[in-house]
Structures are given as C-alpha cells and as structure tokens.
Amino acid sequence: IGIAVGFGMNIANELDLEFSQVGVIRSVFTWVTESSPPVVAPAVVG
C-alpha cells in the first residue's frame, strides 16, 4: 500500500494528472474533509 500510494502520487505529480477530478476519489476527499476526526480515523484504519 505504501509503495502504491507513493508511486501514484509521484506519477500524478510528474505527469500533471488530476486524480481529484475522478468522481469516486472526489467523493472520498469530500467526505474526509467534511467529517470529524473521530469518525474518519477508525474508517481509514479499518
């Protein structure tokens, strides 16, 4: 998971890809930013 996340972020940065424009990823980011940490943390860990 760590390698995949790092690799994906590096590819997105080098190729100027906008993953945030993908519907599913945008929805996840929106939920994470609008939810409280006690709710987000257990979900992310799970």
All heavy atoms as atom14 arrays in JSON, in Angstrom:
{
  "sequence": "IGIAVGFGMNIANELDLEFSQVGVIRSVFTWVTESSPPVVAPAVVG",
  "atom14_mask": [
    [1, 1, 1, 1, 1, 1, 1, 1, 0, 0, 0, 0, 0, 0],
    [1, 1, 1, 1, 0, 0, 0, 0, 0, 0, 0, 0, 0, 0],
    [1, 1, 1, 1, 1, 1, 1, 1, 0, 0, 0, 0, 0, 0],
    [1, 1, 1, 1, 1, 0, 0, 0, 0, 0, 0, 0, 0, 0],
    [1, 1, 1, 1, 1, 1, 1, 0, 0, 0, 0, 0, 0, 0],
    [1, 1, 1, 1, 0, 0, 0, 0, 0, 0, 0, 0, 0, 0],
    [1, 1, 1, 1, 1, 1, 1, 1, 1, 1, 1, 0, 0, 0],
    [1, 1, 1, 1, 0, 0, 0, 0, 0, 0, 0, 0, 0, 0],
    [1, 1, 1, 1, 1, 1, 1, 1, 0, 0, 0, 0, 0, 0],
    [1, 1, 1, 1, 1, 1, 1, 1, 0, 0, 0, 0, 0, 0],
    [1, 1, 1, 1, 1, 1, 1, 1, 0, 0, 0, 0, 0, 0],
    [1, 1, 1, 1, 1, 0, 0, 0, 0, 0, 0, 0, 0, 0],
    [1, 1, 1, 1, 1, 1, 1, 1, 0, 0, 0, 0, 0, 0],
    [1, 1, 1, 1, 1, 1, 1, 1, 1, 0, 0, 0, 0, 0],
    [1, 1, 1, 1, 1, 1, 1, 1, 0, 0, 0, 0, 0, 0],
    [1, 1, 1, 1, 1, 1, 1, 1, 0, 0, 0, 0, 0, 0],
    [1, 1, 1, 1, 1, 1, 1, 1, 0, 0, 0, 0, 0, 0],
    [1, 1, 1, 1, 1, 1, 1, 1, 1, 0, 0, 0, 0, 0],
    [1, 1, 1, 1, 1, 1, 1, 1, 1, 1, 1, 0, 0, 0],
    [1, 1, 1, 1, 1, 1, 0, 0, 0, 0, 0, 0, 0, 0],
    [1, 1, 1, 1, 1, 1, 1, 1, 1, 0, 0, 0, 0, 0],
    [1, 1, 1, 1, 1, 1, 1, 0, 0, 0, 0, 0, 0, 0],
    [1, 1, 1, 1, 0, 0, 0, 0, 0, 0, 0, 0, 0, 0],
    [1, 1, 1, 1, 1, 1, 1, 0, 0, 0, 0, 0, 0, 0],
    [1, 1, 1, 1, 1, 1, 1, 1, 0, 0, 0, 0, 0, 0],
    [1, 1, 1, 1, 1, 1, 1, 1, 1, 1, 1, 0, 0, 0],
    [1, 1, 1, 1, 1, 1, 0, 0, 0, 0, 0, 0, 0, 0],
    [1, 1, 1, 1, 1, 1, 1, 0, 0, 0, 0, 0, 0, 0],
    [1, 1, 1, 1, 1, 1, 1, 1, 1, 1, 1, 0, 0, 0],
    [1, 1, 1, 1, 1, 1, 1, 0, 0, 0, 0, 0, 0, 0],
    [1, 1, 1, 1, 1, 1, 1, 1, 1, 1, 1, 1, 1, 1],
    [1, 1, 1, 1, 1, 1, 1, 0, 0, 0, 0, 0, 0, 0],
    [1, 1, 1, 1, 1, 1, 1, 0, 0, 0, 0, 0, 0, 0],
    [1, 1, 1, 1, 1, 1, 1, 1, 1, 0, 0, 0, 0, 0],
    [1, 1, 1, 1, 1, 1, 0, 0, 0, 0, 0, 0, 0, 0],
    [1, 1, 1, 1, 1, 1, 0, 0, 0, 0, 0, 0, 0, 0],
    [1, 1, 1, 1, 1, 1, 1, 0, 0, 0, 0, 0, 0, 0],
    [1, 1, 1, 1, 1, 1, 1, 0, 0, 0, 0, 0, 0, 0],
    [1, 1, 1, 1, 1, 1, 1, 0, 0, 0, 0, 0, 0, 0],
    [1, 1, 1, 1, 1, 1, 1, 0, 0, 0, 0, 0, 0, 0],
    [1, 1, 1, 1, 1, 0, 0, 0, 0, 0, 0, 0, 0, 0],
    [1, 1, 1, 1, 1, 1, 1, 0, 0, 0, 0, 0, 0, 0],
    [1, 1, 1, 1, 1, 0, 0, 0, 0, 0, 0, 0, 0, 0],
    [1, 1, 1, 1, 1, 1, 1, 0, 0, 0, 0, 0, 0, 0],
    [1, 1, 1, 1, 1, 1, 1, 0, 0, 0, 0, 0, 0, 0],
    [1, 1, 1, 1, 0, 0, 0, 0, 0, 0, 0, 0, 0, 0]
  ],
  "atom14_positions": [
    [[0.84, -1.2, 0.0], [0.0, 0.0, 0.0], [0.87, 1.25, 0.0], [0.63, 2.2, -0.75], [-0.93, 0.0, 1.23], [-1.99, -1.11, 1.08], [-1.63, 1.35, 1.38], [-2.89, -1.23, 2.28], [0.0, 0.0, 0.0], [0.0, 0.0, 0.0], [0.0, 0.0, 0.0], [0.0, 0.0, 0.0], [0.0, 0.0, 0.0], [0.0, 0.0, 0.0]],
    [[1.9, 1.26, 0.85], [2.79, 2.42, 0.9], [3.49, 2.67, -0.42], [3.59, 3.83, -0.88], [0.0, 0.0, 0.0], [0.0, 0.0, 0.0], [0.0, 0.0, 0.0], [0.0, 0.0, 0.0], [0.0, 0.0, 0.0], [0.0, 0.0, 0.0], [0.0, 0.0, 0.0], [0.0, 0.0, 0.0], [0.0, 0.0, 0.0], [0.0, 0.0, 0.0]],
    [[3.97, 1.58, -1.05], [4.65, 1.74, -2.34], [3.67, 2.24, -3.4], [4.01, 3.13, -4.2], [5.28, 0.4, -2.77], [6.41, 0.01, -1.81], [5.8, 0.48, -4.2], [7.01, -1.34, -2.08], [0.0, 0.0, 0.0], [0.0, 0.0, 0.0], [0.0, 0.0, 0.0], [0.0, 0.0, 0.0], [0.0, 0.0, 0.0], [0.0, 0.0, 0.0]],
    [[2.46, 1.68, -3.41], [1.48, 2.08, -4.42], [1.07, 3.54, -4.25], [0.95, 4.28, -5.24], [0.25, 1.17, -4.33], [0.0, 0.0, 0.0], [0.0, 0.0, 0.0], [0.0, 0.0, 0.0], [0.0, 0.0, 0.0], [0.0, 0.0, 0.0], [0.0, 0.0, 0.0], [0.0, 0.0, 0.0], [0.0, 0.0, 0.0], [0.0, 0.0, 0.0]],
    [[0.85, 3.98, -3.01], [0.46, 5.37, -2.77], [1.58, 6.32, -3.17], [1.36, 7.33, -3.85], [0.08, 5.56, -1.28], [-0.11, 7.05, -0.97], [-1.2, 4.8, -0.96], [0.0, 0.0, 0.0], [0.0, 0.0, 0.0], [0.0, 0.0, 0.0], [0.0, 0.0, 0.0], [0.0, 0.0, 0.0], [0.0, 0.0, 0.0], [0.0, 0.0, 0.0]],
    [[2.81, 6.0, -2.75], [3.93, 6.85, -3.13], [4.15, 6.9, -4.63], [4.4, 7.98, -5.2], [0.0, 0.0, 0.0], [0.0, 0.0, 0.0], [0.0, 0.0, 0.0], [0.0, 0.0, 0.0], [0.0, 0.0, 0.0], [0.0, 0.0, 0.0], [0.0, 0.0, 0.0], [0.0, 0.0, 0.0], [0.0, 0.0, 0.0], [0.0, 0.0, 0.0]],
    [[4.04, 5.74, -5.28], [4.23, 5.68, -6.73], [3.14, 6.47, -7.44], [3.4, 7.21, -8.39], [4.21, 4.23, -7.18], [4.44, 4.04, -8.65], [5.7, 4.19, -9.19], [3.38, 3.71, -9.5], [5.92, 4.02, -10.55], [3.59, 3.55, -10.85], [4.86, 3.7, -11.39], [0.0, 0.0, 0.0], [0.0, 0.0, 0.0], [0.0, 0.0, 0.0]],
    [[1.88, 6.33, -6.97], [0.78, 7.04, -7.6], [0.92, 8.55, -7.46], [0.67, 9.3, -8.42], [0.0, 0.0, 0.0], [0.0, 0.0, 0.0], [0.0, 0.0, 0.0], [0.0, 0.0, 0.0], [0.0, 0.0, 0.0], [0.0, 0.0, 0.0], [0.0, 0.0, 0.0], [0.0, 0.0, 0.0], [0.0, 0.0, 0.0], [0.0, 0.0, 0.0]],
    [[1.32, 9.0, -6.27], [1.5, 10.44, -6.07], [2.64, 10.98, -6.92], [2.55, 12.09, -7.45], [1.76, 10.72, -4.59], [0.58, 10.4, -3.68], [0.94, 10.71, -1.93], [1.18, 12.5, -1.96], [0.0, 0.0, 0.0], [0.0, 0.0, 0.0], [0.0, 0.0, 0.0], [0.0, 0.0, 0.0], [0.0, 0.0, 0.0], [0.0, 0.0, 0.0]],
    [[3.69, 10.2, -7.06], [4.82, 10.64, -7.88], [4.43, 10.73, -9.36], [4.78, 11.7, -10.05], [5.99, 9.68, -7.7], [7.24, 10.14, -8.44], [7.75, 11.23, -8.19], [7.72, 9.31, -9.35], [0.0, 0.0, 0.0], [0.0, 0.0, 0.0], [0.0, 0.0, 0.0], [0.0, 0.0, 0.0], [0.0, 0.0, 0.0], [0.0, 0.0, 0.0]],
    [[3.69, 9.72, -9.83], [3.23, 9.74, -11.22], [2.3, 10.93, -11.47], [2.4, 11.63, -12.49], [2.51, 8.41, -11.56], [3.52, 7.28, -11.67], [1.73, 8.53, -12.87], [4.49, 7.41, -12.83], [0.0, 0.0, 0.0], [0.0, 0.0, 0.0], [0.0, 0.0, 0.0], [0.0, 0.0, 0.0], [0.0, 0.0, 0.0], [0.0, 0.0, 0.0]],
    [[1.37, 11.15, -10.54], [0.45, 12.27, -10.69], [1.18, 13.6, -10.72], [0.82, 14.51, -11.48], [-0.57, 12.26, -9.54], [0.0, 0.0, 0.0], [0.0, 0.0, 0.0], [0.0, 0.0, 0.0], [0.0, 0.0, 0.0], [0.0, 0.0, 0.0], [0.0, 0.0, 0.0], [0.0, 0.0, 0.0], [0.0, 0.0, 0.0], [0.0, 0.0, 0.0]],
    [[2.23, 13.73, -9.92], [2.98, 14.99, -9.88], [3.8, 15.18, -11.15], [3.86, 16.29, -11.72], [3.89, 14.99, -8.66], [4.67, 16.29, -8.53], [4.09, 17.37, -8.43], [5.99, 16.19, -8.54], [0.0, 0.0, 0.0], [0.0, 0.0, 0.0], [0.0, 0.0, 0.0], [0.0, 0.0, 0.0], [0.0, 0.0, 0.0], [0.0, 0.0, 0.0]],
    [[4.46, 14.1, -11.63], [5.31, 14.21, -12.81], [4.52, 14.44, -14.08], [4.93, 15.18, -14.97], [6.18, 12.95, -12.94], [7.21, 12.77, -11.84], [8.29, 13.83, -11.88], [8.55, 14.37, -12.99], [8.86, 14.13, -10.82], [0.0, 0.0, 0.0], [0.0, 0.0, 0.0], [0.0, 0.0, 0.0], [0.0, 0.0, 0.0], [0.0, 0.0, 0.0]],
    [[3.35, 13.78, -14.19], [2.55, 13.85, -15.41], [1.41, 14.84, -15.33], [0.59, 14.93, -16.24], [2.0, 12.46, -15.75], [3.04, 11.34, -15.95], [2.35, 10.03, -16.28], [4.04, 11.72, -17.02], [0.0, 0.0, 0.0], [0.0, 0.0, 0.0], [0.0, 0.0, 0.0], [0.0, 0.0, 0.0], [0.0, 0.0, 0.0], [0.0, 0.0, 0.0]],
    [[1.35, 15.57, -14.2], [0.31, 16.58, -14.01], [-1.1, 15.98, -14.14], [-1.97, 16.53, -14.81], [0.49, 17.73, -15.01], [-0.33, 18.96, -14.62], [-0.65, 19.1, -13.43], [-0.67, 19.77, -15.52], [0.0, 0.0, 0.0], [0.0, 0.0, 0.0], [0.0, 0.0, 0.0], [0.0, 0.0, 0.0], [0.0, 0.0, 0.0], [0.0, 0.0, 0.0]],
    [[-1.27, 14.82, -13.51], [-2.58, 14.17, -13.54], [-3.45, 14.7, -12.4], [-2.95, 15.0, -11.32], [-2.41, 12.65, -13.39], [-1.53, 11.97, -14.45], [-1.42, 10.48, -14.16], [-2.11, 12.19, -15.85], [0.0, 0.0, 0.0], [0.0, 0.0, 0.0], [0.0, 0.0, 0.0], [0.0, 0.0, 0.0], [0.0, 0.0, 0.0], [0.0, 0.0, 0.0]],
    [[-4.73, 14.81, -12.65], [-5.66, 15.37, -11.66], [-6.58, 14.25, -11.16], [-7.69, 14.08, -11.65], [-6.46, 16.51, -12.28], [-5.59, 17.68, -12.74], [-6.41, 18.8, -13.37], [-7.66, 18.65, -13.44], [-5.82, 19.8, -13.79], [0.0, 0.0, 0.0], [0.0, 0.0, 0.0], [0.0, 0.0, 0.0], [0.0, 0.0, 0.0], [0.0, 0.0, 0.0]],
    [[-6.08, 13.49, -10.18], [-6.9, 12.41, -9.62], [-8.12, 12.97, -8.9], [-9.13, 12.29, -8.75], [-6.06, 11.57, -8.64], [-5.04, 10.7, -9.32], [-3.68, 10.9, -9.1], [-5.42, 9.69, -10.18], [-2.74, 10.1, -9.71], [-4.48, 8.89, -10.8], [-3.14, 9.09, -10.57], [0.0, 0.0, 0.0], [0.0, 0.0, 0.0], [0.0, 0.0, 0.0]],
    [[-8.01, 14.2, -8.41], [-9.13, 14.78, -7.66], [-10.35, 15.0, -8.55], [-11.46, 15.21, -8.04], [-8.72, 16.11, -7.03], [-8.3, 17.04, -8.03], [0.0, 0.0, 0.0], [0.0, 0.0, 0.0], [0.0, 0.0, 0.0], [0.0, 0.0, 0.0], [0.0, 0.0, 0.0], [0.0, 0.0, 0.0], [0.0, 0.0, 0.0], [0.0, 0.0, 0.0]],
    [[-10.18, 14.96, -9.89], [-11.31, 15.14, -10.78], [-12.08, 13.85, -11.04], [-13.15, 13.88, -11.64], [-10.82, 15.72, -12.12], [-10.1, 17.06, -11.98], [-10.98, 18.11, -11.33], [-12.18, 18.22, -11.65], [-10.4, 18.89, -10.43], [0.0, 0.0, 0.0], [0.0, 0.0, 0.0], [0.0, 0.0, 0.0], [0.0, 0.0, 0.0], [0.0, 0.0, 0.0]],
    [[-11.51, 12.71, -10.59], [-12.21, 11.44, -10.73], [-13.35, 11.4, -9.71], [-13.15, 11.71, -8.52], [-11.25, 10.26, -10.53], [-11.98, 8.93, -10.67], [-10.11, 10.35, -11.54], [0.0, 0.0, 0.0], [0.0, 0.0, 0.0], [0.0, 0.0, 0.0], [0.0, 0.0, 0.0], [0.0, 0.0, 0.0], [0.0, 0.0, 0.0], [0.0, 0.0, 0.0]],
    [[-14.54, 10.99, -10.15], [-15.72, 11.07, -9.31], [-15.59, 10.38, -7.96], [-15.9, 10.96, -6.91], [0.0, 0.0, 0.0], [0.0, 0.0, 0.0], [0.0, 0.0, 0.0], [0.0, 0.0, 0.0], [0.0, 0.0, 0.0], [0.0, 0.0, 0.0], [0.0, 0.0, 0.0], [0.0, 0.0, 0.0], [0.0, 0.0, 0.0], [0.0, 0.0, 0.0]],
    [[-15.14, 9.13, -7.97], [-15.05, 8.37, -6.71], [-14.03, 9.01, -5.77], [-14.3, 9.18, -4.58], [-14.66, 6.91, -7.01], [-14.47, 6.14, -5.71], [-15.72, 6.24, -7.88], [0.0, 0.0, 0.0], [0.0, 0.0, 0.0], [0.0, 0.0, 0.0], [0.0, 0.0, 0.0], [0.0, 0.0, 0.0], [0.0, 0.0, 0.0], [0.0, 0.0, 0.0]],
    [[-12.87, 9.38, -6.3], [-11.83, 9.98, -5.46], [-12.31, 11.33, -4.92], [-12.07, 11.66, -3.75], [-10.53, 10.14, -6.26], [-10.02, 8.76, -6.7], [-9.47, 10.86, -5.43], [-8.75, 8.81, -7.53], [0.0, 0.0, 0.0], [0.0, 0.0, 0.0], [0.0, 0.0, 0.0], [0.0, 0.0, 0.0], [0.0, 0.0, 0.0], [0.0, 0.0, 0.0]],
    [[-13.0, 12.12, -5.74], [-13.51, 13.41, -5.28], [-14.53, 13.23, -4.17], [-14.53, 13.98, -3.18], [-14.13, 14.16, -6.46], [-14.62, 15.56, -6.08], [-15.03, 16.37, -7.29], [-16.15, 15.75, -7.99], [-16.03, 15.2, -9.2], [-14.86, 15.17, -9.8], [-17.09, 14.66, -9.79], [0.0, 0.0, 0.0], [0.0, 0.0, 0.0], [0.0, 0.0, 0.0]],
    [[-15.35, 12.21, -4.27], [-16.34, 11.95, -3.22], [-15.67, 11.55, -1.91], [-16.08, 11.98, -0.82], [-17.31, 10.86, -3.67], [-17.99, 11.22, -4.84], [0.0, 0.0, 0.0], [0.0, 0.0, 0.0], [0.0, 0.0, 0.0], [0.0, 0.0, 0.0], [0.0, 0.0, 0.0], [0.0, 0.0, 0.0], [0.0, 0.0, 0.0], [0.0, 0.0, 0.0]],
    [[-14.63, 10.73, -2.0], [-13.91, 10.31, -0.79], [-13.23, 11.5, -0.13], [-13.31, 11.68, 1.1], [-12.87, 9.23, -1.14], [-11.99, 8.93, 0.07], [-13.57, 7.96, -1.61], [0.0, 0.0, 0.0], [0.0, 0.0, 0.0], [0.0, 0.0, 0.0], [0.0, 0.0, 0.0], [0.0, 0.0, 0.0], [0.0, 0.0, 0.0], [0.0, 0.0, 0.0]],
    [[-12.58, 12.36, -0.92], [-11.92, 13.54, -0.37], [-12.95, 14.46, 0.3], [-12.69, 15.03, 1.37], [-11.19, 14.3, -1.46], [-9.84, 13.69, -1.8], [-9.28, 13.87, -3.07], [-9.15, 12.95, -0.88], [-8.06, 13.3, -3.39], [-7.92, 12.37, -1.19], [-7.38, 12.54, -2.44], [0.0, 0.0, 0.0], [0.0, 0.0, 0.0], [0.0, 0.0, 0.0]],
    [[-14.1, 14.61, -0.31], [-15.13, 15.46, 0.26], [-15.61, 14.92, 1.6], [-15.77, 15.67, 2.58], [-16.32, 15.58, -0.7], [-15.86, 16.12, -1.95], [-17.4, 16.48, -0.13], [0.0, 0.0, 0.0], [0.0, 0.0, 0.0], [0.0, 0.0, 0.0], [0.0, 0.0, 0.0], [0.0, 0.0, 0.0], [0.0, 0.0, 0.0], [0.0, 0.0, 0.0]],
    [[-15.81, 13.62, 1.69], [-16.26, 13.0, 2.95], [-15.19, 13.14, 4.04], [-15.5, 13.43, 5.19], [-16.58, 11.53, 2.73], [-17.0, 10.83, 3.99], [-18.23, 10.86, 4.58], [-16.16, 10.02, 4.82], [-18.23, 10.11, 5.73], [-16.97, 9.58, 5.91], [-14.83, 9.62, 4.76], [-16.47, 8.77, 6.91], [-14.34, 8.8, 5.76], [-15.15, 8.38, 6.82]],
    [[-13.93, 12.96, 3.67], [-12.86, 13.05, 4.66], [-12.74, 14.47, 5.21], [-12.59, 14.67, 6.41], [-11.52, 12.6, 4.03], [-10.35, 12.93, 4.95], [-11.55, 11.12, 3.74], [0.0, 0.0, 0.0], [0.0, 0.0, 0.0], [0.0, 0.0, 0.0], [0.0, 0.0, 0.0], [0.0, 0.0, 0.0], [0.0, 0.0, 0.0], [0.0, 0.0, 0.0]],
    [[-12.83, 15.48, 4.33], [-12.67, 16.86, 4.78], [-13.87, 17.35, 5.57], [-13.73, 18.22, 6.45], [-12.45, 17.78, 3.58], [-13.53, 17.6, 2.63], [-11.13, 17.45, 2.9], [0.0, 0.0, 0.0], [0.0, 0.0, 0.0], [0.0, 0.0, 0.0], [0.0, 0.0, 0.0], [0.0, 0.0, 0.0], [0.0, 0.0, 0.0], [0.0, 0.0, 0.0]],
    [[-15.05, 16.82, 5.31], [-16.24, 17.31, 5.99], [-16.59, 16.51, 7.25], [-17.43, 16.95, 8.03], [-17.44, 17.27, 5.03], [-17.31, 18.23, 3.84], [-18.51, 18.15, 2.91], [-19.37, 17.25, 3.15], [-18.56, 18.95, 1.96], [0.0, 0.0, 0.0], [0.0, 0.0, 0.0], [0.0, 0.0, 0.0], [0.0, 0.0, 0.0], [0.0, 0.0, 0.0]],
    [[-15.97, 15.37, 7.47], [-16.27, 14.54, 8.64], [-15.28, 14.86, 9.76], [-14.18, 15.38, 9.54], [-16.19, 13.06, 8.29], [-17.09, 12.74, 7.24], [0.0, 0.0, 0.0], [0.0, 0.0, 0.0], [0.0, 0.0, 0.0], [0.0, 0.0, 0.0], [0.0, 0.0, 0.0], [0.0, 0.0, 0.0], [0.0, 0.0, 0.0], [0.0, 0.0, 0.0]],
    [[-15.67, 14.52, 10.98], [-14.83, 14.78, 12.16], [-13.76, 13.7, 12.27], [-13.96, 12.56, 11.83], [-15.68, 14.78, 13.43], [-16.35, 13.54, 13.6], [0.0, 0.0, 0.0], [0.0, 0.0, 0.0], [0.0, 0.0, 0.0], [0.0, 0.0, 0.0], [0.0, 0.0, 0.0], [0.0, 0.0, 0.0], [0.0, 0.0, 0.0], [0.0, 0.0, 0.0]],
    [[-12.6, 14.02, 12.86], [-11.52, 13.04, 13.0], [-11.93, 11.75, 13.71], [-11.49, 10.68, 13.31], [-10.45, 13.81, 13.79], [-10.69, 15.24, 13.44], [-12.18, 15.36, 13.29], [0.0, 0.0, 0.0], [0.0, 0.0, 0.0], [0.0, 0.0, 0.0], [0.0, 0.0, 0.0], [0.0, 0.0, 0.0], [0.0, 0.0, 0.0], [0.0, 0.0, 0.0]],
    [[-12.75, 11.79, 14.8], [-13.14, 10.52, 15.44], [-13.9, 9.57, 14.51], [-13.94, 8.36, 14.74], [-14.02, 10.97, 16.61], [-13.58, 12.36, 16.9], [-13.25, 12.95, 15.58], [0.0, 0.0, 0.0], [0.0, 0.0, 0.0], [0.0, 0.0, 0.0], [0.0, 0.0, 0.0], [0.0, 0.0, 0.0], [0.0, 0.0, 0.0], [0.0, 0.0, 0.0]],
    [[-14.51, 10.12, 13.47], [-15.23, 9.27, 12.51], [-14.29, 8.81, 11.39], [-14.33, 7.65, 10.96], [-16.43, 10.04, 11.92], [-17.12, 9.2, 10.83], [-17.43, 10.4, 13.01], [0.0, 0.0, 0.0], [0.0, 0.0, 0.0], [0.0, 0.0, 0.0], [0.0, 0.0, 0.0], [0.0, 0.0, 0.0], [0.0, 0.0, 0.0], [0.0, 0.0, 0.0]],
    [[-13.41, 9.71, 10.94], [-12.54, 9.4, 9.81], [-11.46, 8.4, 10.21], [-11.18, 7.44, 9.47], [-11.9, 10.7, 9.27], [-10.88, 10.36, 8.19], [-12.98, 11.62, 8.71], [0.0, 0.0, 0.0], [0.0, 0.0, 0.0], [0.0, 0.0, 0.0], [0.0, 0.0, 0.0], [0.0, 0.0, 0.0], [0.0, 0.0, 0.0], [0.0, 0.0, 0.0]],
    [[-10.84, 8.6, 11.38], [-9.7, 7.77, 11.77], [-10.03, 6.28, 11.82], [-9.33, 5.46, 11.2], [-9.14, 8.24, 13.11], [0.0, 0.0, 0.0], [0.0, 0.0, 0.0], [0.0, 0.0, 0.0], [0.0, 0.0, 0.0], [0.0, 0.0, 0.0], [0.0, 0.0, 0.0], [0.0, 0.0, 0.0], [0.0, 0.0, 0.0], [0.0, 0.0, 0.0]],
    [[-11.11, 5.86, 12.53], [-11.41, 4.41, 12.54], [-11.74, 3.86, 11.15], [-11.37, 2.73, 10.84], [-12.63, 4.31, 13.47], [-12.59, 5.54, 14.3], [-12.02, 6.6, 13.42], [0.0, 0.0, 0.0], [0.0, 0.0, 0.0], [0.0, 0.0, 0.0], [0.0, 0.0, 0.0], [0.0, 0.0, 0.0], [0.0, 0.0, 0.0], [0.0, 0.0, 0.0]],
    [[-12.41, 4.68, 10.33], [-12.76, 4.21, 8.98], [-11.49, 4.01, 8.15], [-11.36, 3.0, 7.44], [-13.69, 5.21, 8.3], [0.0, 0.0, 0.0], [0.0, 0.0, 0.0], [0.0, 0.0, 0.0], [0.0, 0.0, 0.0], [0.0, 0.0, 0.0], [0.0, 0.0, 0.0], [0.0, 0.0, 0.0], [0.0, 0.0, 0.0], [0.0, 0.0, 0.0]],
    [[-10.55, 4.95, 8.23], [-9.32, 4.84, 7.46], [-8.51, 3.63, 7.93], [-7.99, 2.84, 7.12], [-8.48, 6.13, 7.57], [-7.11, 5.93, 6.95], [-9.21, 7.28, 6.9], [0.0, 0.0, 0.0], [0.0, 0.0, 0.0], [0.0, 0.0, 0.0], [0.0, 0.0, 0.0], [0.0, 0.0, 0.0], [0.0, 0.0, 0.0], [0.0, 0.0, 0.0]],
    [[-8.4, 3.47, 9.26], [-7.66, 2.32, 9.8], [-8.29, 1.01, 9.36], [-7.6, 0.06, 8.97], [-7.58, 2.41, 11.33], [-6.99, 1.13, 11.92], [-6.74, 3.61, 11.76], [0.0, 0.0, 0.0], [0.0, 0.0, 0.0], [0.0, 0.0, 0.0], [0.0, 0.0, 0.0], [0.0, 0.0, 0.0], [0.0, 0.0, 0.0], [0.0, 0.0, 0.0]],
    [[-9.63, 0.94, 9.42], [-10.32, -0.28, 9.01], [-10.09, -0.61, 7.54], [-9.81, -1.77, 7.19], [0.0, 0.0, 0.0], [0.0, 0.0, 0.0], [0.0, 0.0, 0.0], [0.0, 0.0, 0.0], [0.0, 0.0, 0.0], [0.0, 0.0, 0.0], [0.0, 0.0, 0.0], [0.0, 0.0, 0.0], [0.0, 0.0, 0.0], [0.0, 0.0, 0.0]]
  ]
}
